[in-house]
Amino acid sequence: MLYWAAVFLIIAIVAAVFGFVGIAGLASHIAWILFVVGIVLAVIFMIVGRRPL
C-alpha cells in the first residue's frame, strides 16, 4: 500500500514539473488516500497481532 502511495507521489511530482496540473492533483490525492489507508491497516494489524489467542 505504501509502495503504491510512493509511486503516485512520484507521478504527481513529475506531472507537476511538466505542468500537468490536473494529473498532478489527482495523483497526489490518490497517493494521500493510499498512504492513509496503509497507515490505518498497519496500526490495525499491529493491534490485532498483539492479542493473545
PDB file of N, CA and C in Angstrom:
ATOM      1  N   MET A   1       0.825  -1.186   0.000  1.00  0.00           N
ATOM      2  CA  MET A   1       0.000   0.000   0.000  1.00  0.00           C
ATOM      3  C   MET A   1       0.874   1.257   0.000  1.00  0.00           C
ATOM      4  N   LEU A   2       1.871   1.264   0.856  1.00  0.00           N
ATOM      5  CA  LEU A   2       2.747   2.437   0.919  1.00  0.00           C
ATOM      6  C   LEU A   2       3.615   2.545  -0.334  1.00  0.00           C
ATOM      7  N   TYR A   3       3.919   1.403  -0.947  1.00  0.00           N
ATOM      8  CA  TYR A   3       4.670   1.424  -2.205  1.00  0.00           C
ATOM      9  C   TYR A   3       3.881   2.156  -3.287  1.00  0.00           C
ATOM     10  N   TRP A   4       2.599   1.839  -3.386  1.00  0.00           N
ATOM     11  CA  TRP A   4       1.767   2.479  -4.404  1.00  0.00           C
ATOM     12  C   TRP A   4       1.564   3.959  -4.094  1.00  0.00           C
ATOM     13  N   ALA A   5       1.506   4.306  -2.812  1.00  0.00           N
ATOM     14  CA  ALA A   5       1.414   5.722  -2.444  1.00  0.00           C
ATOM     15  C   ALA A   5       2.658   6.464  -2.914  1.00  0.00           C
ATOM     16  N   ALA A   6       3.828   5.849  -2.742  1.00  0.00           N
ATOM     17  CA  ALA A   6       5.069   6.471  -3.202  1.00  0.00           C
ATOM     18  C   ALA A   6       5.095   6.585  -4.725  1.00  0.00           C
ATOM     19  N   VAL A   7       4.594   5.578  -5.417  1.00  0.00           N
ATOM     20  CA  VAL A   7       4.552   5.621  -6.884  1.00  0.00           C
ATOM     21  C   VAL A   7       3.671   6.769  -7.359  1.00  0.00           C
ATOM     22  N   PHE A   8       2.497   6.918  -6.771  1.00  0.00           N
ATOM     23  CA  PHE A   8       1.606   8.000  -7.183  1.00  0.00           C
ATOM     24  C   PHE A   8       2.162   9.360  -6.788  1.00  0.00           C
ATOM     25  N   LEU A   9       2.922   9.429  -5.700  1.00  0.00           N
ATOM     26  CA  LEU A   9       3.558  10.684  -5.327  1.00  0.00           C
ATOM     27  C   LEU A   9       4.616  11.075  -6.359  1.00  0.00           C
ATOM     28  N   ILE A  10       5.391  10.107  -6.827  1.00  0.00           N
ATOM     29  CA  ILE A  10       6.383  10.383  -7.869  1.00  0.00           C
ATOM     30  C   ILE A  10       5.693  10.818  -9.158  1.00  0.00           C
ATOM     31  N   ILE A  11       4.586  10.165  -9.510  1.00  0.00           N
ATOM     32  CA  ILE A  11       3.825  10.559 -10.695  1.00  0.00           C
ATOM     33  C   ILE A  11       3.321  11.988 -10.556  1.00  0.00           C
ATOM     34  N   ALA A  12       2.843  12.345  -9.365  1.00  0.00           N
ATOM     35  CA  ALA A  12       2.345  13.702  -9.133  1.00  0.00           C
ATOM     36  C   ALA A  12       3.465  14.729  -9.262  1.00  0.00           C
ATOM     37  N   ILE A  13       4.632  14.416  -8.737  1.00  0.00           N
ATOM     38  CA  ILE A  13       5.755  15.354  -8.819  1.00  0.00           C
ATOM     39  C   ILE A  13       6.199  15.543 -10.266  1.00  0.00           C
ATOM     40  N   VAL A  14       6.307  14.442 -10.998  1.00  0.00           N
ATOM     41  CA  VAL A  14       6.716  14.536 -12.406  1.00  0.00           C
ATOM     42  C   VAL A  14       5.674  15.297 -13.217  1.00  0.00           C
ATOM     43  N   ALA A  15       4.405  15.019 -12.971  1.00  0.00           N
ATOM     44  CA  ALA A  15       3.347  15.721 -13.705  1.00  0.00           C
ATOM     45  C   ALA A  15       3.342  17.210 -13.368  1.00  0.00           C
ATOM     46  N   ALA A  16       3.614  17.556 -12.118  1.00  0.00           N
ATOM     47  CA  ALA A  16       3.663  18.969 -11.732  1.00  0.00           C
ATOM     48  C   ALA A  16       4.837  19.678 -12.394  1.00  0.00           C
ATOM     49  N   VAL A  17       5.965  18.990 -12.500  1.00  0.00           N
ATOM     50  CA  VAL A  17       7.137  19.593 -13.144  1.00  0.00           C
ATOM     51  C   VAL A  17       6.842  19.902 -14.614  1.00  0.00           C
ATOM     52  N   PHE A  18       6.127  19.017 -15.283  1.00  0.00           N
ATOM     53  CA  PHE A  18       5.822  19.219 -16.694  1.00  0.00           C
ATOM     54  C   PHE A  18       4.566  20.060 -16.920  1.00  0.00           C
ATOM     55  N   GLY A  19       3.891  20.482 -15.854  1.00  0.00           N
ATOM     56  CA  GLY A  19       2.767  21.396 -15.985  1.00  0.00           C
ATOM     57  C   GLY A  19       1.409  20.758 -16.117  1.00  0.00           C
ATOM     58  N   PHE A  20       1.304  19.471 -15.902  1.00  0.00           N
ATOM     59  CA  PHE A  20       0.005  18.804 -15.966  1.00  0.00           C
ATOM     60  C   PHE A  20      -0.662  18.890 -14.593  1.00  0.00           C
ATOM     61  N   VAL A  21      -1.315  20.010 -14.351  1.00  0.00           N
ATOM     62  CA  VAL A  21      -1.850  20.301 -13.020  1.00  0.00           C
ATOM     63  C   VAL A  21      -2.959  19.337 -12.641  1.00  0.00           C
ATOM     64  N   GLY A  22      -3.838  19.002 -13.567  1.00  0.00           N
ATOM     65  CA  GLY A  22      -4.952  18.096 -13.260  1.00  0.00           C
ATOM     66  C   GLY A  22      -4.473  16.706 -12.887  1.00  0.00           C
ATOM     67  N   ILE A  23      -3.525  16.194 -13.647  1.00  0.00           N
ATOM     68  CA  ILE A  23      -2.984  14.863 -13.364  1.00  0.00           C
ATOM     69  C   ILE A  23      -2.209  14.879 -12.053  1.00  0.00           C
ATOM     70  N   ALA A  24      -1.466  15.961 -11.811  1.00  0.00           N
ATOM     71  CA  ALA A  24      -0.693  16.069 -10.577  1.00  0.00           C
ATOM     72  C   ALA A  24      -1.615  16.111  -9.363  1.00  0.00           C
ATOM     73  N   GLY A  25      -2.697  16.841  -9.465  1.00  0.00           N
ATOM     74  CA  GLY A  25      -3.653  16.917  -8.357  1.00  0.00           C
ATOM     75  C   GLY A  25      -4.317  15.580  -8.082  1.00  0.00           C
ATOM     76  N   LEU A  26      -4.735  14.918  -9.142  1.00  0.00           N
ATOM     77  CA  LEU A  26      -5.375  13.614  -8.986  1.00  0.00           C
ATOM     78  C   LEU A  26      -4.411  12.586  -8.405  1.00  0.00           C
ATOM     79  N   ALA A  27      -3.186  12.567  -8.906  1.00  0.00           N
ATOM     80  CA  ALA A  27      -2.194  11.607  -8.408  1.00  0.00           C
ATOM     81  C   ALA A  27      -1.834  11.885  -6.953  1.00  0.00           C
ATOM     82  N   SER A  28      -1.778  13.159  -6.572  1.00  0.00           N
ATOM     83  CA  SER A  28      -1.461  13.469  -5.177  1.00  0.00           C
ATOM     84  C   SER A  28      -2.605  13.064  -4.244  1.00  0.00           C
ATOM     85  N   HIS A  29      -3.837  13.203  -4.693  1.00  0.00           N
ATOM     86  CA  HIS A  29      -4.975  12.762  -3.881  1.00  0.00           C
ATOM     87  C   HIS A  29      -4.979  11.240  -3.726  1.00  0.00           C
ATOM     88  N   ILE A  30      -4.705  10.545  -4.803  1.00  0.00           N
ATOM     89  CA  ILE A  30      -4.638   9.083  -4.735  1.00  0.00           C
ATOM     90  C   ILE A  30      -3.510   8.652  -3.808  1.00  0.00           C
ATOM     91  N   ALA A  31      -2.360   9.323  -3.913  1.00  0.00           N
ATOM     92  CA  ALA A  31      -1.229   8.994  -3.038  1.00  0.00           C
ATOM     93  C   ALA A  31      -1.594   9.226  -1.577  1.00  0.00           C
ATOM     94  N   TRP A  32      -2.279  10.321  -1.280  1.00  0.00           N
ATOM     95  CA  TRP A  32      -2.661  10.622   0.097  1.00  0.00           C
ATOM     96  C   TRP A  32      -3.643   9.573   0.631  1.00  0.00           C
ATOM     97  N   ILE A  33      -4.619   9.189  -0.167  1.00  0.00           N
ATOM     98  CA  ILE A  33      -5.593   8.180   0.257  1.00  0.00           C
ATOM     99  C   ILE A  33      -4.910   6.840   0.512  1.00  0.00           C
ATOM    100  N   LEU A  34      -4.035   6.423  -0.396  1.00  0.00           N
ATOM    101  CA  LEU A  34      -3.328   5.156  -0.213  1.00  0.00           C
ATOM    102  C   LEU A  34      -2.421   5.191   1.011  1.00  0.00           C
ATOM    103  N   PHE A  35      -1.785   6.335   1.266  1.00  0.00           N
ATOM    104  CA  PHE A  35      -0.931   6.477   2.439  1.00  0.00           C
ATOM    105  C   PHE A  35      -1.742   6.336   3.727  1.00  0.00           C
ATOM    106  N   VAL A  36      -2.872   7.001   3.795  1.00  0.00           N
ATOM    107  CA  VAL A  36      -3.715   6.940   4.994  1.00  0.00           C
ATOM    108  C   VAL A  36      -4.253   5.525   5.191  1.00  0.00           C
ATOM    109  N   VAL A  37      -4.714   4.886   4.132  1.00  0.00           N
ATOM    110  CA  VAL A  37      -5.223   3.517   4.241  1.00  0.00           C
ATOM    111  C   VAL A  37      -4.107   2.574   4.684  1.00  0.00           C
ATOM    112  N   GLY A  38      -2.907   2.748   4.137  1.00  0.00           N
ATOM    113  CA  GLY A  38      -1.774   1.904   4.528  1.00  0.00           C
ATOM    114  C   GLY A  38      -1.416   2.057   5.995  1.00  0.00           C
ATOM    115  N   ILE A  39      -1.403   3.294   6.486  1.00  0.00           N
ATOM    116  CA  ILE A  39      -1.095   3.529   7.899  1.00  0.00           C
ATOM    117  C   ILE A  39      -2.183   2.944   8.790  1.00  0.00           C
ATOM    118  N   VAL A  40      -3.440   3.136   8.427  1.00  0.00           N
ATOM    119  CA  VAL A  40      -4.545   2.586   9.226  1.00  0.00           C
ATOM    120  C   VAL A  40      -4.467   1.063   9.268  1.00  0.00           C
ATOM    121  N   LEU A  41      -4.220   0.439   8.139  1.00  0.00           N
ATOM    122  CA  LEU A  41      -4.102  -1.026   8.116  1.00  0.00           C
ATOM    123  C   LEU A  41      -2.904  -1.499   8.939  1.00  0.00           C
ATOM    124  N   ALA A  42      -1.801  -0.781   8.875  1.00  0.00           N
ATOM    125  CA  ALA A  42      -0.632  -1.156   9.672  1.00  0.00           C
ATOM    126  C   ALA A  42      -0.935  -1.096  11.164  1.00  0.00           C
ATOM    127  N   VAL A  43      -1.624  -0.057  11.587  1.00  0.00           N
ATOM    128  CA  VAL A  43      -1.986   0.071  13.001  1.00  0.00           C
ATOM    129  C   VAL A  43      -2.957  -1.037  13.405  1.00  0.00           C
ATOM    130  N   ILE A  44      -3.938  -1.323  12.575  1.00  0.00           N
ATOM    131  CA  ILE A  44      -4.902  -2.387  12.885  1.00  0.00           C
ATOM    132  C   ILE A  44      -4.193  -3.726  12.995  1.00  0.00           C
ATOM    133  N   PHE A  45      -3.285  -4.023  12.065  1.00  0.00           N
ATOM    134  CA  PHE A  45      -2.574  -5.298  12.109  1.00  0.00           C
ATOM    135  C   PHE A  45      -1.658  -5.385  13.322  1.00  0.00           C
ATOM    136  N   MET A  46      -1.081  -4.271  13.747  1.00  0.00           N
ATOM    137  CA  MET A  46      -0.251  -4.295  14.957  1.00  0.00           C
ATOM    138  C   MET A  46      -1.095  -4.569  16.190  1.00  0.00           C
ATOM    139  N   ILE A  47      -2.277  -3.968  16.255  1.00  0.00           N
ATOM    140  CA  ILE A  47      -3.159  -4.183  17.410  1.00  0.00           C
ATOM    141  C   ILE A  47      -3.668  -5.620  17.429  1.00  0.00           C
ATOM    142  N   VAL A  48      -4.099  -6.131  16.293  1.00  0.00           N
ATOM    143  CA  VAL A  48      -4.615  -7.499  16.210  1.00  0.00           C
ATOM    144  C   VAL A  48      -3.512  -8.504  16.503  1.00  0.00           C
ATOM    145  N   GLY A  49      -2.293  -8.228  16.057  1.00  0.00           N
ATOM    146  CA  GLY A  49      -1.194  -9.148  16.264  1.00  0.00           C
ATOM    147  C   GLY A  49      -0.734  -9.243  17.713  1.00  0.00           C
ATOM    148  N   ARG A  50      -1.052  -8.269  18.529  1.00  0.00           N
ATOM    149  CA  ARG A  50      -0.626  -8.266  19.928  1.00  0.00           C
ATOM    150  C   ARG A  50      -1.581  -9.006  20.850  1.00  0.00           C
ATOM    151  N   ARG A  51      -2.756  -9.331  20.364  1.00  0.00           N
ATOM    152  CA  ARG A  51      -3.723 -10.039  21.208  1.00  0.00           C
ATOM    153  C   ARG A  51      -3.329 -11.495  21.381  1.00  0.00           C
ATOM    154  N   PRO A  52      -3.374 -11.984  22.608  1.00  0.00           N
ATOM    155  CA  PRO A  52      -3.113 -13.431  22.793  1.00  0.00           C
ATOM    156  C   PRO A  52      -4.294 -14.247  22.275  1.00  0.00           C
ATOM    157  N   LEU A  53      -3.998 -15.432  21.773  1.00  0.00           N
ATOM    158  CA  LEU A  53      -5.062 -16.280  21.231  1.00  0.00           C
ATOM    159  C   LEU A  53      -5.768 -17.065  22.288  1.00  0.00           C
TER     160      LEU A  53
END
